[in-house]
Amino acid sequence: MPEVNRILVDMFVDPVCPWAWLTSRWLLDAERQRPLDVRFRIMSLSALNEGRADIDAFYQRNIGPWRRPVRVLMAAEQQHGPDAVRSLYDAMGTRRHVKGQSYGPALYKAALTECGLPGGLADAADDAGLDDAVRKSHQAGMQPVGLDVGTPTIHVHVPGGDPVALFGPVVTPAPRGEDAARLWDGFLLVAQTPGFYELKRSRTSGPTTR
């Protein structure tokens, strides 16, 4: 049988976002059923919203605290490579979005230990020296889609074609099984349609992550 060309998919995530968490669960399920290689990369809701006067009080209040878990991911990427982002995002996100734990030193250290990474990387949460690297990664993720969206943002690298990027999909609960595969097929179709920009409807429920 001919070899199937695999598609590299970059998903840019901020570990504080429950909507991105749901999209990541869908994408990983689709990876098990379609020829995909999913790579997690770092964006930052803090970087997205810093300096903006038009955001609400909730976002203003959290710009500082939200930097911390992203810094831990960035430190892991810098010292242990991009595969560390995938495993650590999964371990951190499970604790936060599924188990309801709060981000902080205990969560970071437990997640790092689970991934076989040094627990000392938890100290990166307070290292503002990582913020420039976070912004650079964030800009790489956002530039193709614009700054009027956030996370999840997905870049699709189809062999032989130009990369395409879209915000979304935003969905709850995360589709599984054949539903996950069919959503991927539809996502890929619209992503590769020239001139396609947007599908949207108002949300009527919050993220179902547990």
N, C-alpha and C. Protein backbone atom coordinates (compact mmCIF):
# COMPACT_ATOMS: atom_id res chain seq x y z
N MET A 1 0.84 -1.20 0.00
CA MET A 1 0.00 0.00 0.00
C MET A 1 0.89 1.26 0.00
N PRO A 2 0.47 2.31 -0.72
CA PRO A 2 1.27 3.54 -0.73
C PRO A 2 1.30 4.19 0.65
N GLU A 3 2.44 4.81 0.95
CA GLU A 3 2.58 5.48 2.24
C GLU A 3 1.71 6.74 2.26
N VAL A 4 1.00 6.94 3.35
CA VAL A 4 0.14 8.11 3.50
C VAL A 4 0.97 9.26 4.05
N ASN A 5 0.90 10.40 3.37
CA ASN A 5 1.62 11.57 3.86
C ASN A 5 0.98 12.07 5.14
N ARG A 6 1.79 12.24 6.15
CA ARG A 6 1.29 12.71 7.43
C ARG A 6 1.27 14.23 7.45
N ILE A 7 0.33 14.78 8.20
CA ILE A 7 0.14 16.21 8.30
C ILE A 7 0.63 16.68 9.65
N LEU A 8 1.54 17.64 9.64
CA LEU A 8 1.98 18.26 10.88
C LEU A 8 0.98 19.33 11.29
N VAL A 9 0.55 19.27 12.54
CA VAL A 9 -0.42 20.24 13.06
C VAL A 9 0.17 20.90 14.29
N ASP A 10 0.34 22.21 14.23
CA ASP A 10 0.79 22.98 15.38
C ASP A 10 -0.42 23.60 16.06
N MET A 11 -0.60 23.29 17.33
CA MET A 11 -1.66 23.93 18.11
C MET A 11 -1.01 24.85 19.14
N PHE A 12 -1.37 26.13 19.07
CA PHE A 12 -0.81 27.12 19.99
C PHE A 12 -1.76 27.27 21.18
N VAL A 13 -1.23 27.02 22.37
CA VAL A 13 -2.07 26.95 23.56
C VAL A 13 -1.52 27.81 24.69
N ASP A 14 -2.42 28.32 25.50
CA ASP A 14 -2.11 28.87 26.81
C ASP A 14 -2.74 27.91 27.82
N PRO A 15 -1.96 27.38 28.77
CA PRO A 15 -2.50 26.35 29.66
C PRO A 15 -3.61 26.83 30.58
N VAL A 16 -3.87 28.13 30.66
CA VAL A 16 -4.96 28.59 31.52
C VAL A 16 -6.32 28.50 30.82
N CYS A 17 -6.35 28.32 29.51
CA CYS A 17 -7.61 28.41 28.76
C CYS A 17 -8.34 27.07 28.71
N PRO A 18 -9.54 26.97 29.29
CA PRO A 18 -10.27 25.70 29.24
C PRO A 18 -10.77 25.36 27.84
N TRP A 19 -11.04 26.37 27.03
CA TRP A 19 -11.49 26.10 25.66
C TRP A 19 -10.37 25.47 24.83
N ALA A 20 -9.16 25.97 24.99
CA ALA A 20 -8.02 25.36 24.30
C ALA A 20 -7.81 23.92 24.78
N TRP A 21 -8.02 23.69 26.06
CA TRP A 21 -7.89 22.33 26.59
C TRP A 21 -8.85 21.38 25.88
N LEU A 22 -10.09 21.78 25.72
CA LEU A 22 -11.07 20.94 25.04
C LEU A 22 -10.67 20.69 23.59
N THR A 23 -10.22 21.73 22.91
CA THR A 23 -9.79 21.55 21.52
C THR A 23 -8.60 20.61 21.45
N SER A 24 -7.70 20.70 22.40
CA SER A 24 -6.54 19.80 22.40
C SER A 24 -6.96 18.35 22.59
N ARG A 25 -7.99 18.10 23.40
CA ARG A 25 -8.46 16.72 23.61
C ARG A 25 -9.06 16.18 22.32
N TRP A 26 -9.80 17.01 21.62
CA TRP A 26 -10.35 16.61 20.33
C TRP A 26 -9.23 16.29 19.34
N LEU A 27 -8.24 17.18 19.27
CA LEU A 27 -7.19 17.03 18.28
C LEU A 27 -6.36 15.78 18.54
N LEU A 28 -6.09 15.47 19.80
CA LEU A 28 -5.34 14.27 20.12
C LEU A 28 -6.14 13.01 19.78
N ASP A 29 -7.44 13.08 19.95
CA ASP A 29 -8.28 11.94 19.56
C ASP A 29 -8.28 11.77 18.05
N ALA A 30 -8.35 12.90 17.33
CA ALA A 30 -8.29 12.83 15.87
C ALA A 30 -6.95 12.28 15.39
N GLU A 31 -5.88 12.59 16.11
CA GLU A 31 -4.55 12.11 15.75
C GLU A 31 -4.49 10.58 15.77
N ARG A 32 -5.28 9.97 16.63
CA ARG A 32 -5.28 8.51 16.71
C ARG A 32 -6.00 7.87 15.53
N GLN A 33 -6.74 8.67 14.77
CA GLN A 33 -7.56 8.11 13.69
C GLN A 33 -7.22 8.64 12.31
N ARG A 34 -6.43 9.68 12.26
CA ARG A 34 -6.05 10.29 11.00
C ARG A 34 -4.52 10.45 10.98
N PRO A 35 -3.91 10.59 9.79
CA PRO A 35 -2.44 10.68 9.71
C PRO A 35 -1.93 12.06 10.12
N LEU A 36 -2.02 12.35 11.41
CA LEU A 36 -1.63 13.64 11.96
C LEU A 36 -0.47 13.47 12.92
N ASP A 37 0.35 14.49 13.01
CA ASP A 37 1.37 14.60 14.05
C ASP A 37 1.14 15.94 14.72
N VAL A 38 0.60 15.90 15.93
CA VAL A 38 0.22 17.11 16.64
C VAL A 38 1.39 17.60 17.49
N ARG A 39 1.70 18.87 17.35
CA ARG A 39 2.77 19.49 18.13
C ARG A 39 2.18 20.69 18.88
N PHE A 40 2.42 20.74 20.18
CA PHE A 40 1.90 21.84 20.98
C PHE A 40 2.95 22.94 21.08
N ARG A 41 2.50 24.16 20.82
CA ARG A 41 3.36 25.32 20.90
C ARG A 41 2.72 26.37 21.80
N ILE A 42 3.47 27.37 22.16
CA ILE A 42 3.06 28.27 23.24
C ILE A 42 2.55 29.59 22.70
N MET A 43 1.34 29.97 23.15
CA MET A 43 0.87 31.34 23.01
C MET A 43 0.57 31.85 24.41
N SER A 44 0.19 33.11 24.53
CA SER A 44 -0.03 33.68 25.86
C SER A 44 -1.18 34.66 25.83
N LEU A 45 -2.21 34.37 26.62
CA LEU A 45 -3.32 35.31 26.75
C LEU A 45 -2.85 36.60 27.41
N SER A 46 -1.84 36.51 28.26
CA SER A 46 -1.29 37.72 28.87
C SER A 46 -0.63 38.60 27.82
N ALA A 47 0.17 37.98 26.94
CA ALA A 47 0.80 38.74 25.86
C ALA A 47 -0.25 39.31 24.92
N LEU A 48 -1.30 38.56 24.67
CA LEU A 48 -2.36 39.02 23.77
C LEU A 48 -3.05 40.26 24.32
N ASN A 49 -3.22 40.32 25.64
CA ASN A 49 -4.03 41.37 26.24
C ASN A 49 -3.24 42.50 26.88
N GLU A 50 -1.92 42.35 27.00
CA GLU A 50 -1.14 43.39 27.67
C GLU A 50 -1.20 44.69 26.87
N GLY A 51 -1.39 45.78 27.60
CA GLY A 51 -1.42 47.09 26.98
C GLY A 51 -2.73 47.47 26.33
N ARG A 52 -3.72 46.58 26.40
CA ARG A 52 -5.01 46.87 25.77
C ARG A 52 -5.96 47.47 26.79
N ALA A 53 -6.58 48.58 26.43
CA ALA A 53 -7.50 49.25 27.34
C ALA A 53 -8.93 48.77 27.19
N ASP A 54 -9.19 47.97 26.16
CA ASP A 54 -10.57 47.58 25.86
C ASP A 54 -10.96 46.23 26.44
N ILE A 55 -10.11 45.62 27.29
CA ILE A 55 -10.46 44.33 27.86
C ILE A 55 -11.14 44.52 29.21
N ASP A 56 -11.95 43.52 29.59
CA ASP A 56 -12.73 43.67 30.82
C ASP A 56 -11.84 43.46 32.05
N ALA A 57 -12.43 43.71 33.21
CA ALA A 57 -11.68 43.68 34.47
C ALA A 57 -11.11 42.30 34.77
N PHE A 58 -11.82 41.25 34.39
CA PHE A 58 -11.34 39.89 34.64
C PHE A 58 -10.00 39.65 33.96
N TYR A 59 -9.90 40.02 32.70
CA TYR A 59 -8.65 39.83 31.97
C TYR A 59 -7.56 40.76 32.51
N GLN A 60 -7.92 42.00 32.81
CA GLN A 60 -6.93 42.92 33.37
C GLN A 60 -6.33 42.37 34.66
N ARG A 61 -7.18 41.79 35.49
CA ARG A 61 -6.75 41.28 36.79
C ARG A 61 -5.84 40.06 36.65
N ASN A 62 -5.99 39.31 35.56
CA ASN A 62 -5.27 38.05 35.44
C ASN A 62 -4.06 38.09 34.50
N ILE A 63 -3.78 39.23 33.91
CA ILE A 63 -2.62 39.30 33.01
C ILE A 63 -1.35 38.85 33.72
N GLY A 64 -1.14 39.31 34.95
CA GLY A 64 0.05 38.92 35.70
C GLY A 64 0.06 37.45 36.10
N PRO A 65 -0.96 36.97 36.82
CA PRO A 65 -0.97 35.57 37.24
C PRO A 65 -0.90 34.57 36.09
N TRP A 66 -1.52 34.90 34.97
CA TRP A 66 -1.55 33.96 33.85
C TRP A 66 -0.19 33.79 33.18
N ARG A 67 0.76 34.67 33.46
CA ARG A 67 2.08 34.51 32.87
C ARG A 67 2.80 33.29 33.44
N ARG A 68 2.47 32.91 34.68
CA ARG A 68 3.30 31.93 35.40
C ARG A 68 3.28 30.53 34.77
N PRO A 69 2.12 29.92 34.53
CA PRO A 69 2.17 28.57 33.94
C PRO A 69 2.77 28.56 32.54
N VAL A 70 2.60 29.66 31.79
CA VAL A 70 3.19 29.72 30.45
C VAL A 70 4.71 29.74 30.55
N ARG A 71 5.24 30.45 31.53
CA ARG A 71 6.70 30.47 31.71
C ARG A 71 7.25 29.08 32.00
N VAL A 72 6.52 28.29 32.78
CA VAL A 72 6.98 26.93 33.09
C VAL A 72 7.05 26.11 31.80
N LEU A 73 6.04 26.24 30.95
CA LEU A 73 6.07 25.54 29.66
C LEU A 73 7.26 26.00 28.83
N MET A 74 7.50 27.31 28.79
CA MET A 74 8.60 27.83 27.98
C MET A 74 9.94 27.33 28.49
N ALA A 75 10.13 27.31 29.80
CA ALA A 75 11.38 26.80 30.35
C ALA A 75 11.58 25.33 29.97
N ALA A 76 10.51 24.56 30.01
CA ALA A 76 10.60 23.15 29.62
C ALA A 76 10.97 23.02 28.15
N GLU A 77 10.38 23.85 27.31
CA GLU A 77 10.71 23.81 25.88
C GLU A 77 12.16 24.18 25.64
N GLN A 78 12.63 25.23 26.29
CA GLN A 78 14.00 25.68 26.07
C GLN A 78 15.03 24.65 26.53
N GLN A 79 14.74 23.96 27.62
CA GLN A 79 15.73 23.05 28.18
C GLN A 79 15.58 21.60 27.73
N HIS A 80 14.37 21.24 27.27
CA HIS A 80 14.12 19.83 26.96
C HIS A 80 13.43 19.61 25.62
N GLY A 81 13.22 20.67 24.85
CA GLY A 81 12.71 20.52 23.50
C GLY A 81 11.20 20.56 23.40
N PRO A 82 10.68 20.60 22.16
CA PRO A 82 9.25 20.78 21.95
C PRO A 82 8.39 19.61 22.44
N ASP A 83 8.95 18.41 22.48
CA ASP A 83 8.16 17.28 22.98
C ASP A 83 7.78 17.46 24.44
N ALA A 84 8.62 18.19 25.18
CA ALA A 84 8.32 18.43 26.59
C ALA A 84 7.08 19.29 26.75
N VAL A 85 6.81 20.18 25.78
CA VAL A 85 5.62 21.02 25.86
C VAL A 85 4.37 20.16 25.80
N ARG A 86 4.36 19.20 24.90
CA ARG A 86 3.18 18.33 24.76
C ARG A 86 2.90 17.56 26.05
N SER A 87 3.91 16.92 26.60
CA SER A 87 3.68 16.10 27.78
C SER A 87 3.36 16.95 29.00
N LEU A 88 4.03 18.09 29.12
CA LEU A 88 3.80 18.93 30.29
C LEU A 88 2.45 19.65 30.20
N TYR A 89 2.08 20.09 29.02
CA TYR A 89 0.75 20.69 28.84
C TYR A 89 -0.34 19.69 29.24
N ASP A 90 -0.16 18.45 28.85
CA ASP A 90 -1.14 17.42 29.20
C ASP A 90 -1.20 17.20 30.71
N ALA A 91 -0.05 17.11 31.34
CA ALA A 91 -0.01 16.86 32.79
C ALA A 91 -0.53 18.05 33.59
N MET A 92 -0.16 19.26 33.19
CA MET A 92 -0.65 20.45 33.87
C MET A 92 -2.14 20.63 33.64
N GLY A 93 -2.56 20.47 32.39
CA GLY A 93 -3.96 20.68 32.06
C GLY A 93 -4.90 19.69 32.71
N THR A 94 -4.47 18.44 32.82
CA THR A 94 -5.31 17.44 33.50
C THR A 94 -5.55 17.84 34.94
N ARG A 95 -4.51 18.30 35.60
CA ARG A 95 -4.66 18.73 36.99
C ARG A 95 -5.56 19.96 37.11
N ARG A 96 -5.39 20.90 36.20
CA ARG A 96 -6.16 22.14 36.29
C ARG A 96 -7.59 21.98 35.80
N HIS A 97 -7.74 21.48 34.58
CA HIS A 97 -9.05 21.51 33.93
C HIS A 97 -9.92 20.30 34.22
N VAL A 98 -9.30 19.19 34.56
CA VAL A 98 -10.08 17.98 34.87
C VAL A 98 -10.25 17.82 36.38
N LYS A 99 -9.16 17.99 37.12
CA LYS A 99 -9.20 17.77 38.56
C LYS A 99 -9.51 19.04 39.35
N GLY A 100 -9.48 20.19 38.70
CA GLY A 100 -9.86 21.43 39.36
C GLY A 100 -8.82 22.01 40.29
N GLN A 101 -7.57 21.58 40.17
CA GLN A 101 -6.51 22.13 41.01
C GLN A 101 -6.10 23.52 40.50
N SER A 102 -5.56 24.32 41.39
CA SER A 102 -5.13 25.67 41.03
C SER A 102 -3.67 25.64 40.58
N TYR A 103 -3.36 26.49 39.60
CA TYR A 103 -1.97 26.61 39.19
C TYR A 103 -1.15 27.22 40.32
N GLY A 104 0.01 26.63 40.54
CA GLY A 104 0.91 27.07 41.59
C GLY A 104 2.07 26.09 41.70
N PRO A 105 3.01 26.33 42.61
CA PRO A 105 4.21 25.48 42.70
C PRO A 105 3.92 23.99 42.86
N ALA A 106 2.91 23.66 43.67
CA ALA A 106 2.62 22.23 43.89
C ALA A 106 2.16 21.56 42.60
N LEU A 107 1.30 22.22 41.86
CA LEU A 107 0.84 21.65 40.60
C LEU A 107 1.98 21.54 39.61
N TYR A 108 2.78 22.58 39.47
CA TYR A 108 3.89 22.55 38.51
C TYR A 108 4.84 21.40 38.83
N LYS A 109 5.20 21.25 40.09
CA LYS A 109 6.18 20.22 40.47
C LYS A 109 5.62 18.82 40.24
N ALA A 110 4.34 18.62 40.56
CA ALA A 110 3.73 17.31 40.35
C ALA A 110 3.67 16.98 38.86
N ALA A 111 3.31 17.95 38.05
CA ALA A 111 3.23 17.72 36.60
C ALA A 111 4.62 17.46 36.02
N LEU A 112 5.61 18.22 36.45
CA LEU A 112 6.97 18.03 35.97
C LEU A 112 7.49 16.64 36.33
N THR A 113 7.23 16.23 37.56
CA THR A 113 7.66 14.90 38.01
C THR A 113 7.01 13.81 37.16
N GLU A 114 5.73 13.96 36.89
CA GLU A 114 5.01 12.98 36.06
C GLU A 114 5.66 12.85 34.69
N CYS A 115 6.16 13.96 34.16
CA CYS A 115 6.75 13.95 32.82
C CYS A 115 8.24 13.60 32.81
N GLY A 116 8.80 13.34 33.99
CA GLY A 116 10.21 13.03 34.08
C GLY A 116 11.10 14.24 33.87
N LEU A 117 10.56 15.42 34.16
CA LEU A 117 11.31 16.67 34.01
C LEU A 117 11.73 17.17 35.39
N PRO A 118 12.80 17.96 35.47
CA PRO A 118 13.28 18.44 36.76
C PRO A 118 12.25 19.31 37.48
N GLY A 119 12.01 19.01 38.74
CA GLY A 119 11.05 19.79 39.51
C GLY A 119 11.45 21.24 39.66
N GLY A 120 12.76 21.52 39.53
CA GLY A 120 13.23 22.88 39.65
C GLY A 120 12.70 23.81 38.57
N LEU A 121 12.19 23.25 37.47
CA LEU A 121 11.60 24.08 36.42
C LEU A 121 10.37 24.84 36.93
N ALA A 122 9.81 24.40 38.04
CA ALA A 122 8.66 25.12 38.61
C ALA A 122 9.04 26.55 38.98
N ASP A 123 10.31 26.78 39.29
CA ASP A 123 10.75 28.14 39.64
C ASP A 123 10.64 29.10 38.48
N ALA A 124 10.55 28.57 37.26
CA ALA A 124 10.44 29.43 36.09
C ALA A 124 9.16 30.26 36.11
N ALA A 125 8.18 29.86 36.90
CA ALA A 125 6.93 30.62 36.98
C ALA A 125 7.16 32.08 37.35
N ASP A 126 8.21 32.34 38.09
CA ASP A 126 8.51 33.71 38.54
C ASP A 126 9.65 34.35 37.78
N ASP A 127 10.06 33.75 36.67
CA ASP A 127 11.19 34.25 35.89
C ASP A 127 10.70 35.12 34.74
N ALA A 128 10.65 36.41 34.95
CA ALA A 128 10.19 37.34 33.92
C ALA A 128 11.14 37.37 32.72
N GLY A 129 12.34 36.85 32.89
CA GLY A 129 13.28 36.79 31.78
C GLY A 129 12.83 35.88 30.65
N LEU A 130 11.82 35.05 30.91
CA LEU A 130 11.28 34.16 29.87
C LEU A 130 10.21 34.84 29.02
N ASP A 131 9.77 36.02 29.42
CA ASP A 131 8.62 36.63 28.77
C ASP A 131 8.89 37.00 27.31
N ASP A 132 10.10 37.39 26.98
CA ASP A 132 10.40 37.73 25.59
C ASP A 132 10.29 36.49 24.70
N ALA A 133 10.76 35.35 25.19
CA ALA A 133 10.63 34.11 24.42
C ALA A 133 9.17 33.72 24.26
N VAL A 134 8.38 33.92 25.31
CA VAL A 134 6.95 33.64 25.23
C VAL A 134 6.30 34.53 24.18
N ARG A 135 6.64 35.81 24.19
CA ARG A 135 6.06 36.74 23.21
C ARG A 135 6.43 36.34 21.78
N LYS A 136 7.67 35.90 21.58
CA LYS A 136 8.11 35.49 20.25
C LYS A 136 7.30 34.29 19.76
N SER A 137 7.12 33.30 20.61
CA SER A 137 6.32 32.13 20.25
C SER A 137 4.87 32.53 20.01
N HIS A 138 4.37 33.38 20.88
CA HIS A 138 3.00 33.88 20.76
C HIS A 138 2.79 34.57 19.40
N GLN A 139 3.72 35.42 19.03
CA GLN A 139 3.60 36.16 17.77
C GLN A 139 3.66 35.22 16.57
N ALA A 140 4.47 34.18 16.65
CA ALA A 140 4.54 33.20 15.57
C ALA A 140 3.20 32.50 15.39
N GLY A 141 2.51 32.27 16.50
CA GLY A 141 1.21 31.62 16.41
C GLY A 141 0.10 32.53 15.93
N MET A 142 0.16 33.80 16.35
CA MET A 142 -0.96 34.70 16.09
C MET A 142 -0.84 35.45 14.77
N GLN A 143 0.38 35.69 14.30
CA GLN A 143 0.55 36.53 13.12
C GLN A 143 -0.28 36.04 11.92
N PRO A 144 -0.36 34.73 11.64
CA PRO A 144 -1.13 34.30 10.47
C PRO A 144 -2.64 34.43 10.63
N VAL A 145 -3.13 34.57 11.85
CA VAL A 145 -4.59 34.64 12.05
C VAL A 145 -5.08 36.00 12.53
N GLY A 146 -4.17 36.85 13.02
CA GLY A 146 -4.57 38.17 13.48
C GLY A 146 -4.74 38.22 14.98
N LEU A 147 -4.77 39.44 15.52
CA LEU A 147 -4.80 39.63 16.96
C LEU A 147 -6.20 39.81 17.53
N ASP A 148 -7.23 39.60 16.71
CA ASP A 148 -8.60 39.71 17.22
C ASP A 148 -9.14 38.36 17.66
N VAL A 149 -8.27 37.33 17.73
CA VAL A 149 -8.65 36.01 18.24
C VAL A 149 -7.65 35.61 19.31
N GLY A 150 -7.82 34.43 19.87
CA GLY A 150 -6.94 33.98 20.94
C GLY A 150 -6.53 32.54 20.75
N THR A 151 -6.78 31.73 21.75
CA THR A 151 -6.48 30.31 21.68
C THR A 151 -7.79 29.53 21.84
N PRO A 152 -7.99 28.45 21.11
CA PRO A 152 -7.02 27.69 20.33
C PRO A 152 -6.77 28.26 18.93
N THR A 153 -5.52 28.27 18.52
CA THR A 153 -5.13 28.60 17.16
C THR A 153 -4.35 27.41 16.62
N ILE A 154 -4.70 26.99 15.42
CA ILE A 154 -4.12 25.78 14.84
C ILE A 154 -3.52 26.11 13.48
N HIS A 155 -2.26 25.66 13.28
CA HIS A 155 -1.57 25.78 12.00
C HIS A 155 -1.47 24.39 11.40
N VAL A 156 -1.88 24.25 10.15
CA VAL A 156 -1.87 22.96 9.47
C VAL A 156 -0.82 23.00 8.36
N HIS A 157 0.10 22.05 8.39
CA HIS A 157 1.18 21.96 7.40
C HIS A 157 0.93 20.73 6.53
N VAL A 158 0.22 20.92 5.42
CA VAL A 158 -0.07 19.82 4.51
C VAL A 158 1.12 19.62 3.59
N PRO A 159 1.63 18.39 3.47
CA PRO A 159 2.78 18.16 2.59
C PRO A 159 2.52 18.67 1.17
N GLY A 160 3.47 19.44 0.66
CA GLY A 160 3.34 19.95 -0.70
C GLY A 160 2.52 21.22 -0.83
N GLY A 161 2.00 21.73 0.30
CA GLY A 161 1.18 22.93 0.23
C GLY A 161 1.66 23.98 1.21
N ASP A 162 1.10 25.17 1.11
CA ASP A 162 1.44 26.23 2.05
C ASP A 162 0.73 26.00 3.37
N PRO A 163 1.36 26.36 4.49
CA PRO A 163 0.68 26.25 5.79
C PRO A 163 -0.58 27.11 5.82
N VAL A 164 -1.58 26.62 6.52
CA VAL A 164 -2.81 27.40 6.73
C VAL A 164 -3.09 27.43 8.22
N ALA A 165 -3.69 28.52 8.67
CA ALA A 165 -3.93 28.70 10.10
C ALA A 165 -5.33 29.22 10.33
N LEU A 166 -5.96 28.74 11.41
CA LEU A 166 -7.29 29.18 11.80
C LEU A 166 -7.38 29.25 13.32
N PHE A 167 -8.22 30.14 13.80
CA PHE A 167 -8.63 30.11 15.21
C PHE A 167 -9.74 29.08 15.35
N GLY A 168 -9.68 28.28 16.43
CA GLY A 168 -10.72 27.29 16.68
C GLY A 168 -10.26 25.90 16.27
N PRO A 169 -11.19 24.93 16.30
CA PRO A 169 -12.58 25.07 16.67
C PRO A 169 -12.79 25.20 18.18
N VAL A 170 -13.83 25.94 18.55
CA VAL A 170 -14.23 26.07 19.95
C VAL A 170 -15.44 25.17 20.14
N VAL A 171 -15.32 24.17 21.00
CA VAL A 171 -16.36 23.15 21.10
C VAL A 171 -16.39 22.58 22.50
N THR A 172 -17.58 22.24 22.96
CA THR A 172 -17.74 21.56 24.24
C THR A 172 -18.94 20.62 24.17
N PRO A 173 -18.82 19.40 24.69
CA PRO A 173 -17.58 18.77 25.16
C PRO A 173 -16.69 18.39 23.98
N ALA A 174 -15.48 17.93 24.25
CA ALA A 174 -14.56 17.56 23.18
C ALA A 174 -15.09 16.34 22.43
N PRO A 175 -15.25 16.41 21.11
CA PRO A 175 -15.69 15.24 20.35
C PRO A 175 -14.70 14.09 20.47
N ARG A 176 -15.23 12.90 20.49
CA ARG A 176 -14.39 11.71 20.60
C ARG A 176 -14.74 10.71 19.49
N GLY A 177 -13.83 9.76 19.28
CA GLY A 177 -14.10 8.69 18.34
C GLY A 177 -14.35 9.19 16.94
N GLU A 178 -15.34 8.62 16.29
CA GLU A 178 -15.65 9.00 14.92
C GLU A 178 -16.07 10.46 14.81
N ASP A 179 -16.70 10.99 15.86
CA ASP A 179 -17.06 12.41 15.84
C ASP A 179 -15.82 13.28 15.77
N ALA A 180 -14.76 12.89 16.48
CA ALA A 180 -13.51 13.64 16.43
C ALA A 180 -12.90 13.58 15.03
N ALA A 181 -12.92 12.41 14.42
CA ALA A 181 -12.35 12.24 13.09
C ALA A 181 -13.13 13.06 12.06
N ARG A 182 -14.45 13.05 12.14
CA ARG A 182 -15.26 13.80 11.18
C ARG A 182 -15.06 15.30 11.34
N LEU A 183 -14.93 15.77 12.59
CA LEU A 183 -14.68 17.19 12.80
C LEU A 183 -13.33 17.57 12.20
N TRP A 184 -12.32 16.73 12.36
CA TRP A 184 -11.03 17.03 11.74
C TRP A 184 -11.17 17.12 10.23
N ASP A 185 -11.88 16.19 9.62
CA ASP A 185 -12.05 16.22 8.17
C ASP A 185 -12.69 17.53 7.73
N GLY A 186 -13.70 17.99 8.47
CA GLY A 186 -14.34 19.24 8.14
C GLY A 186 -13.44 20.44 8.37
N PHE A 187 -12.70 20.40 9.46
CA PHE A 187 -11.76 21.49 9.76
C PHE A 187 -10.71 21.61 8.67
N LEU A 188 -10.17 20.49 8.24
CA LEU A 188 -9.15 20.50 7.20
C LEU A 188 -9.74 21.04 5.89
N LEU A 189 -10.97 20.67 5.60
CA LEU A 189 -11.62 21.14 4.38
C LEU A 189 -11.75 22.67 4.37
N VAL A 190 -12.26 23.24 5.45
CA VAL A 190 -12.44 24.69 5.45
C VAL A 190 -11.10 25.41 5.54
N ALA A 191 -10.14 24.82 6.26
CA ALA A 191 -8.83 25.45 6.37
C ALA A 191 -8.16 25.57 5.01
N GLN A 192 -8.40 24.62 4.13
CA GLN A 192 -7.77 24.62 2.81
C GLN A 192 -8.59 25.32 1.74
N THR A 193 -9.71 25.90 2.14
CA THR A 193 -10.55 26.62 1.18
C THR A 193 -10.07 28.06 1.05
N PRO A 194 -9.60 28.47 -0.13
CA PRO A 194 -9.10 29.83 -0.29
C PRO A 194 -10.19 30.86 0.05
N GLY A 195 -9.80 31.86 0.82
CA GLY A 195 -10.74 32.93 1.16
C GLY A 195 -11.67 32.62 2.30
N PHE A 196 -11.56 31.42 2.88
CA PHE A 196 -12.43 31.12 4.03
C PHE A 196 -11.92 31.85 5.26
N TYR A 197 -12.84 32.52 5.99
CA TYR A 197 -12.44 33.28 7.16
C TYR A 197 -13.17 32.87 8.44
N GLU A 198 -14.47 32.63 8.39
CA GLU A 198 -15.15 32.55 9.68
C GLU A 198 -16.44 31.74 9.60
N LEU A 199 -16.66 30.94 10.65
CA LEU A 199 -17.95 30.34 10.99
C LEU A 199 -18.13 30.59 12.48
N LYS A 200 -19.30 31.02 12.91
CA LYS A 200 -19.45 31.30 14.33
C LYS A 200 -20.92 31.34 14.71
N ARG A 201 -21.17 30.95 15.98
CA ARG A 201 -22.48 31.18 16.59
C ARG A 201 -22.27 31.46 18.07
N SER A 202 -23.24 32.09 18.69
CA SER A 202 -23.11 32.47 20.09
C SER A 202 -23.03 31.24 20.98
N ARG A 203 -22.15 31.30 21.98
CA ARG A 203 -22.03 30.20 22.93
C ARG A 203 -23.18 30.22 23.91
N THR A 204 -23.75 29.06 24.18
CA THR A 204 -24.85 28.96 25.13
C THR A 204 -24.49 28.15 26.36
N SER A 205 -23.25 27.68 26.44
CA SER A 205 -22.80 26.94 27.63
C SER A 205 -21.31 27.15 27.81
N GLY A 206 -20.85 26.92 29.04
CA GLY A 206 -19.44 27.04 29.34
C GLY A 206 -18.69 25.77 28.98
N PRO A 207 -17.36 25.77 29.11
CA PRO A 207 -16.56 24.61 28.77
C PRO A 207 -16.79 23.44 29.73
N THR A 208 -17.07 22.28 29.18
CA THR A 208 -17.27 21.06 29.97
C THR A 208 -15.96 20.29 29.98
N THR A 209 -15.15 20.50 31.00
CA THR A 209 -13.81 19.92 31.01
C THR A 209 -13.66 18.77 31.98
N ARG A 210 -14.66 18.48 32.79
CA ARG A 210 -14.51 17.42 33.80
C ARG A 210 -15.53 16.31 33.58
